[in-house]
């Protein structure tokens, strides 16, 4: 019939697509999905990280296969309800096969494609390993304590916060340790990143208190800009949270860290104050938290309690702290000036 619609490719009558094609001609002219039969990628031969979008990351094999497929798979314009299924088949250490099924709709017609992709891996060396091999570093981190040597346990706790930080931070090829080891009074580390050193220093101050000091040294020029190395010294206080100190002939409990120094509270009355790190240089530690005990109350009256001496198991009497909560069945005690004292701030922990 004159004027009736028809397929512009073969002359078939409706139904037709928006481009005036019948279903057979639409399918004949359409490549619904396409992907390379071979995909090449690079993996660091030293650390095993893969190069992804110009970055080097650690990634599981199947997740890597899905990522490579997303990077290389193309679907025709106008497709809707597209779903992609992939099965990862390892072949050997350097090759794997991706079995891909692509489904979707175009112009109301369903399409389905199958692809097999060979994923091949070549060895390379990432920037981080290249720099490590060349003993590259941007910052030296010095771990020290005020007026004394750091114990092995303290060094373990301080160093452990760096591993925690590296797990928390987004992966960065510059976040590595070039060299580390003991020095007189502490521990030194050479780090690949100034940013890592500064972030770690802030974490140390928040966790353990103390102070930091930065110095920069000019080591050369690169493309007209100065190249410097950072030396960052962290000094841990000789006391920690929960320690009892003597300051100005009074006993205080170290209760919190601030930027300029710790917060402390009196043992004998409800008084709290902040002091500077310089003020604390005059303080003496009389009981560290590790030497304190949580003991059960055997008997109690309005002002004192009977508890068992943790050393010889004799019953001793201690004065109740000013903030004692009568609902508690135990106390935290410290041995100070040849006698046991109950400490304020105890809330039944332990």
Protein backbone atom coordinates (compact mmCIF):
# COMPACT_ATOMS: atom_id res chain seq x y z
CA UNK A 1 0.00 0.00 0.00
CA UNK A 2 1.32 3.44 -0.96
CA UNK A 3 2.71 5.38 2.05
CA UNK A 4 2.84 2.34 4.38
CA UNK A 5 5.89 2.03 6.67
CA UNK A 6 8.55 -0.51 5.73
CA UNK A 7 12.07 -1.53 6.77
CA UNK A 8 14.58 0.69 5.02
CA UNK A 9 17.04 -2.22 4.72
CA UNK A 10 14.89 -5.09 3.44
CA UNK A 11 11.42 -3.61 2.90
CA UNK A 12 9.71 -5.71 5.58
CA UNK A 13 6.48 -4.33 7.09
CA UNK A 14 6.16 -3.19 10.75
CA UNK A 15 6.91 -3.58 13.59
CA UNK A 16 9.92 -1.31 13.06
CA UNK A 17 12.48 0.33 15.32
CA UNK A 18 12.94 4.07 15.74
CA UNK A 19 15.50 3.88 12.92
CA UNK A 20 12.90 2.16 10.69
CA UNK A 21 14.52 -1.27 10.85
CA UNK A 22 12.82 -4.61 11.33
CA UNK A 23 14.06 -6.94 14.08
CA UNK A 24 16.16 -9.10 11.74
CA UNK A 25 17.95 -6.10 10.22
CA UNK A 26 18.43 -4.50 13.64
CA UNK A 27 20.14 -7.65 14.88
CA UNK A 28 22.21 -7.97 11.72
CA UNK A 29 23.46 -4.39 12.01
CA UNK A 30 23.99 -4.31 15.79
CA UNK A 31 27.06 -5.30 17.76
CA UNK A 32 25.41 -5.29 21.17
CA UNK A 33 28.63 -5.71 23.19
CA UNK A 34 32.30 -5.99 22.43
CA UNK A 35 35.50 -6.60 24.37
CA UNK A 36 39.10 -7.36 23.41
CA UNK A 37 39.94 -11.04 23.17
CA UNK A 38 43.24 -10.33 24.99
CA UNK A 39 43.84 -7.87 27.82
CA UNK A 40 47.36 -7.06 28.97
CA UNK A 41 48.11 -5.86 32.52
CA UNK A 42 51.16 -5.22 34.72
CA UNK A 43 52.03 -6.59 38.15
CA UNK A 44 55.00 -5.59 40.32
CA UNK A 45 57.39 -8.53 40.48
CA UNK A 46 58.59 -7.48 43.95
CA UNK A 47 55.45 -6.67 45.96
CA UNK A 48 52.66 -8.16 43.83
CA UNK A 49 50.66 -4.94 43.42
CA UNK A 50 48.80 -4.30 40.14
CA UNK A 51 48.71 -1.12 38.11
CA UNK A 52 45.14 0.19 38.04
CA UNK A 53 44.27 3.57 36.52
CA UNK A 54 47.88 4.80 36.88
CA UNK A 55 48.03 3.67 40.51
CA UNK A 56 49.47 0.55 42.11
CA UNK A 57 47.11 -1.35 44.42
CA UNK A 58 46.63 -4.72 46.11
CA UNK A 59 43.56 -6.45 44.74
CA UNK A 60 42.07 -9.95 44.67
CA UNK A 61 42.11 -11.88 41.38
CA UNK A 62 38.34 -11.95 40.74
CA UNK A 63 37.93 -8.28 41.67
CA UNK A 64 40.79 -7.47 39.30
CA UNK A 65 39.10 -9.46 36.52
CA UNK A 66 35.84 -7.51 37.03
CA UNK A 67 37.76 -4.24 36.95
CA UNK A 68 39.59 -5.13 33.71
CA UNK A 69 36.26 -6.13 32.18
CA UNK A 70 34.67 -2.79 33.11
CA UNK A 71 37.66 -0.99 31.59
CA UNK A 72 37.41 -2.83 28.26
CA UNK A 73 33.76 -3.81 27.76
CA UNK A 74 31.68 -1.67 25.42
CA UNK A 75 27.88 -1.83 25.01
CA UNK A 76 25.99 -0.27 22.11
CA UNK A 77 24.43 3.14 22.66
CA UNK A 78 20.78 3.01 23.69
CA UNK A 79 20.96 -0.38 25.41
CA UNK A 80 18.91 -0.77 28.58
CA UNK A 81 18.58 -3.30 31.42
CA UNK A 82 22.16 -4.41 30.80
CA UNK A 83 23.55 -7.17 33.06
CA UNK A 84 27.07 -8.59 32.94
CA UNK A 85 28.08 -11.92 34.48
CA UNK A 86 31.72 -13.01 34.65
CA UNK A 87 33.46 -16.21 35.70
CA UNK A 88 37.20 -16.00 36.49
CA UNK A 89 39.26 -19.05 35.47
CA UNK A 90 42.95 -18.99 36.50
CA UNK A 91 45.32 -20.67 34.05
CA UNK A 92 48.73 -20.06 35.63
CA UNK A 93 50.55 -17.32 37.55
CA UNK A 94 50.50 -14.99 34.56
CA UNK A 95 47.25 -15.80 32.77
CA UNK A 96 43.55 -16.21 33.42
CA UNK A 97 40.44 -16.56 31.27
CA UNK A 98 37.30 -14.47 31.76
CA UNK A 99 34.00 -16.07 30.69
CA UNK A 100 31.58 -13.21 30.11
CA UNK A 101 27.82 -13.15 29.52
CA UNK A 102 26.17 -9.86 28.57
CA UNK A 103 22.38 -9.43 28.43
CA UNK A 104 20.21 -6.40 27.78
CA UNK A 105 17.54 -4.78 25.63
CA UNK A 106 17.63 -2.52 22.58
CA UNK A 107 14.51 -1.05 20.99
CA UNK A 108 12.45 -3.48 23.09
CA UNK A 109 14.29 -6.58 21.82
CA UNK A 110 16.42 -8.80 24.08
CA UNK A 111 20.07 -9.37 23.24
CA UNK A 112 22.61 -11.77 24.72
CA UNK A 113 26.35 -12.11 23.97
CA UNK A 114 29.07 -14.46 25.21
CA UNK A 115 32.77 -13.54 25.24
CA UNK A 116 36.00 -15.25 26.27
CA UNK A 117 38.84 -12.95 27.26
CA UNK A 118 42.44 -13.93 27.94
CA UNK A 119 43.90 -11.82 30.78
CA UNK A 120 47.69 -11.78 30.54
CA UNK A 121 50.05 -10.38 33.20
CA UNK A 122 53.50 -8.94 32.61
CA UNK A 123 56.09 -8.26 35.27
CA UNK A 124 57.02 -4.68 36.11
CA UNK A 125 58.38 -2.78 39.13
CA UNK A 126 56.15 -0.27 40.89
CA UNK A 127 57.46 3.20 41.90
CA UNK A 128 57.41 2.23 45.57
CA UNK A 129 59.70 -0.79 45.08
CA UNK A 130 61.93 1.20 42.74
CA UNK A 131 62.41 3.82 45.43
CA UNK A 132 62.88 1.25 48.18
CA UNK A 133 65.60 -0.44 46.13
CA UNK A 134 67.30 2.95 45.82
CA UNK A 135 67.03 3.62 49.59
CA UNK A 136 64.75 6.57 48.83
CA UNK A 137 63.16 8.43 51.75
CA UNK A 138 61.58 11.81 52.37
CA UNK A 139 61.35 11.85 56.16
CA UNK A 140 63.12 10.52 59.24
CA UNK A 141 60.91 9.75 62.23
CA UNK A 142 62.59 9.72 65.64
CA UNK A 143 60.83 8.06 68.57
CA UNK A 144 62.10 9.24 71.95
CA UNK A 145 60.97 9.76 75.53
CA UNK A 146 61.43 12.70 77.85
CA UNK A 147 64.51 12.20 80.02
CA UNK A 148 64.74 8.39 79.77
CA UNK A 149 65.06 5.43 77.45
CA UNK A 150 61.97 3.91 75.89
CA UNK A 151 61.31 0.36 77.05
CA UNK A 152 60.88 -2.47 74.53
CA UNK A 153 57.16 -2.60 75.33
CA UNK A 154 56.79 1.15 74.74
CA UNK A 155 58.65 0.90 71.43
CA UNK A 156 56.38 -1.97 70.38
CA UNK A 157 53.27 0.10 71.21
CA UNK A 158 54.58 3.20 69.43
CA UNK A 159 55.72 1.29 66.33
CA UNK A 160 52.43 -0.63 66.23
CA UNK A 161 50.48 2.58 65.63
CA UNK A 162 52.23 2.97 62.26
CA UNK A 163 50.93 -0.42 61.11
CA UNK A 164 47.46 0.61 62.32
CA UNK A 165 47.72 3.85 60.36
CA UNK A 166 48.81 2.13 57.14
CA UNK A 167 45.76 -0.15 57.41
CA UNK A 168 43.47 2.85 57.92
CA UNK A 169 44.84 5.10 55.16
CA UNK A 170 44.07 4.83 51.48
CA UNK A 171 46.84 2.96 49.69
CA UNK A 172 49.69 5.19 48.50
CA UNK A 173 52.89 3.96 46.80
CA UNK A 174 54.93 6.40 48.90
CA UNK A 175 53.72 4.99 52.21
CA UNK A 176 56.63 2.67 52.96
CA UNK A 177 59.49 2.27 55.43
CA UNK A 178 62.93 2.34 53.83
CA UNK A 179 64.96 1.61 56.94
CA UNK A 180 64.41 1.39 60.70
CA UNK A 181 66.22 0.31 63.82
CA UNK A 182 67.22 1.08 67.41
CA UNK A 183 69.29 4.11 68.36
CA UNK A 184 70.45 5.38 71.72
CA UNK A 185 67.33 6.09 73.75
CA UNK A 186 64.77 5.20 71.10
CA UNK A 187 63.99 4.13 67.51
CA UNK A 188 64.51 5.78 64.10
CA UNK A 189 62.64 5.15 60.85
CA UNK A 190 63.15 6.44 57.32
CA UNK A 191 59.77 6.91 55.57
CA UNK A 192 58.95 7.39 51.91
CA UNK A 193 56.45 10.20 52.57
CA UNK A 194 56.52 13.42 54.60
CA UNK A 195 52.71 13.30 54.78
CA UNK A 196 52.88 9.84 56.35
CA UNK A 197 55.37 11.04 58.97
CA UNK A 198 53.20 14.03 59.93
CA UNK A 199 50.00 11.97 60.06
CA UNK A 200 51.70 9.36 62.22
CA UNK A 201 53.04 12.05 64.58
CA UNK A 202 49.52 13.40 65.12
CA UNK A 203 48.27 9.89 65.87
CA UNK A 204 51.06 9.36 68.42
CA UNK A 205 50.27 12.62 70.22
CA UNK A 206 46.55 11.77 70.37
CA UNK A 207 47.27 8.27 71.70
CA UNK A 208 50.22 8.83 74.05
CA UNK A 209 50.49 12.60 74.52
CA UNK A 210 53.88 14.24 74.12
CA UNK A 211 55.40 16.74 71.71
CA UNK A 212 56.77 16.81 68.17
CA UNK A 213 59.47 18.90 66.53
CA UNK A 214 60.11 19.31 62.80
CA UNK A 215 63.25 20.34 60.93
CA UNK A 216 63.85 20.36 57.16
CA UNK A 217 67.13 19.87 55.32
CA UNK A 218 67.80 20.92 51.71
CA UNK A 219 69.16 17.94 49.76
CA UNK A 220 69.05 19.22 46.16
CA UNK A 221 67.02 20.68 43.30
CA UNK A 222 64.50 19.02 41.00
CA UNK A 223 63.05 20.82 37.97
CA UNK A 224 63.90 24.17 39.52
CA UNK A 225 62.33 23.38 42.92
CA UNK A 226 64.10 22.69 46.19
CA UNK A 227 64.07 19.10 47.42
CA UNK A 228 64.04 18.77 51.20
CA UNK A 229 64.01 15.98 53.75
CA UNK A 230 62.01 16.18 56.92
CA UNK A 231 63.23 15.13 60.36
CA UNK A 232 60.33 14.73 62.76
CA UNK A 233 61.08 13.96 66.40
CA UNK A 234 58.32 12.61 68.62
CA UNK A 235 58.98 12.77 72.36
CA UNK A 236 56.75 10.56 74.50
CA UNK A 237 56.08 11.75 78.05
CA UNK A 238 57.65 9.84 80.93
CA UNK A 239 54.09 9.20 82.16
CA UNK A 240 50.87 7.88 80.69
CA UNK A 241 47.13 8.09 81.18
CA UNK A 242 46.19 6.70 84.58
CA UNK A 243 49.62 7.31 86.10
CA UNK A 244 49.88 9.10 89.43
CA UNK A 245 52.40 11.96 89.59
CA UNK A 246 53.72 14.28 92.28
CA UNK A 247 53.64 17.93 91.24
CA UNK A 248 54.12 20.87 93.61
CA UNK A 249 54.02 18.48 96.58
CA UNK A 250 50.56 17.20 95.61
CA UNK A 251 49.44 13.92 94.05
CA UNK A 252 47.64 14.07 90.70
CA UNK A 253 46.15 11.53 88.28
CA UNK A 254 46.92 12.00 84.56
CA UNK A 255 43.45 11.88 83.02
CA UNK A 256 43.59 13.14 79.39
CA UNK A 257 45.83 14.59 76.69
CA UNK A 258 45.61 18.12 75.30
CA UNK A 259 47.69 19.84 72.64
CA UNK A 260 49.75 21.87 75.11
CA UNK A 261 49.94 19.31 77.92
CA UNK A 262 47.91 16.79 79.94
CA UNK A 263 44.79 17.24 82.02
CA UNK A 264 45.31 16.15 85.62
CA UNK A 265 43.04 15.67 88.66
CA UNK A 266 43.88 15.82 92.37
CA UNK A 267 43.78 12.60 94.34
CA UNK A 268 42.48 14.12 97.57
CA UNK A 269 39.77 16.48 96.32
CA UNK A 270 37.67 17.30 93.28
CA UNK A 271 40.07 19.56 91.42
CA UNK A 272 41.04 19.33 87.77
CA UNK A 273 43.40 21.45 85.74
CA UNK A 274 45.46 21.52 82.59
CA UNK A 275 49.23 21.86 82.71
CA UNK A 276 51.86 22.41 80.04
CA UNK A 277 54.54 19.99 78.95
CA UNK A 278 57.08 22.36 80.50
CA UNK A 279 55.21 22.28 83.84
CA UNK A 280 55.31 18.49 83.72
CA UNK A 281 59.10 18.49 83.50
CA UNK A 282 59.00 19.14 87.26
CA UNK A 283 56.65 16.20 87.91
CA UNK A 284 57.67 12.83 89.34
CA UNK A 285 55.85 9.60 88.51
CA UNK A 286 54.97 7.76 91.72
CA UNK A 287 52.68 5.04 90.32
CA UNK A 288 52.26 3.89 86.72
CA UNK A 289 48.90 2.48 85.68
CA UNK A 290 50.36 -1.00 85.04
CA UNK A 291 51.32 -1.22 88.72
CA UNK A 292 47.82 -0.37 89.95
CA UNK A 293 45.20 -2.95 90.91
CA UNK A 294 41.44 -3.27 90.86
CA UNK A 295 40.39 -4.96 94.12
CA UNK A 296 37.06 -6.07 95.53
CA UNK A 297 35.61 -4.28 98.56
CA UNK A 298 35.29 -6.64 101.53
CA UNK A 299 33.66 -4.20 103.98
CA UNK A 300 32.81 -0.52 103.73
CA UNK A 301 31.58 2.38 105.82
CA UNK A 302 30.98 6.03 104.96
CA UNK A 303 34.66 6.95 104.64
CA UNK A 304 36.74 3.82 104.18
CA UNK A 305 36.80 0.32 102.77
CA UNK A 306 38.58 -2.91 103.60
CA UNK A 307 40.34 -4.57 100.67
CA UNK A 308 42.92 -7.32 100.24
CA UNK A 309 46.55 -6.27 99.75
CA UNK A 310 47.49 -7.62 96.26
CA UNK A 311 51.04 -8.37 97.43
CA UNK A 312 50.57 -10.33 100.68
CA UNK A 313 46.77 -10.84 100.71
CA UNK A 314 46.33 -9.16 104.09
CA UNK A 315 43.26 -7.04 104.73
CA UNK A 316 44.04 -3.30 104.66
CA UNK A 317 41.86 -0.23 104.97
CA UNK A 318 41.87 2.56 102.36
CA UNK A 319 40.04 5.86 102.35
CA UNK A 320 37.25 6.07 99.78
CA UNK A 321 37.93 8.49 96.90
CA UNK A 322 35.89 11.70 96.85
CA UNK A 323 33.91 10.56 93.78
CA UNK A 324 33.16 7.04 95.05
CA UNK A 325 29.94 5.52 93.71
CA UNK A 326 28.25 3.37 96.34
CA UNK A 327 26.95 1.02 93.64
CA UNK A 328 30.50 -0.14 92.88
CA UNK A 329 31.88 -3.31 94.42
CA UNK A 330 35.56 -2.61 93.67
CA UNK A 331 38.22 0.09 93.72
CA UNK A 332 41.38 0.96 91.80
CA UNK A 333 44.29 1.27 94.21
CA UNK A 334 47.93 2.38 93.92
CA UNK A 335 50.85 1.86 96.33
CA UNK A 336 52.17 5.34 97.13
CA UNK A 337 54.47 6.36 100.02
CA UNK A 338 54.38 2.88 101.56
CA UNK A 339 50.58 2.62 101.68
CA UNK A 340 47.65 1.82 99.41
CA UNK A 341 45.50 4.70 98.12
CA UNK A 342 42.17 4.44 96.33
CA UNK A 343 42.12 6.47 93.10
CA UNK A 344 39.32 8.70 91.82
CA UNK A 345 37.82 8.23 88.39
CA UNK A 346 37.23 4.47 88.74
CA UNK A 347 33.99 3.35 87.10
CA UNK A 348 34.09 -0.38 87.65
CA UNK A 349 36.30 -1.25 84.66
CA UNK A 350 38.45 -4.32 84.63
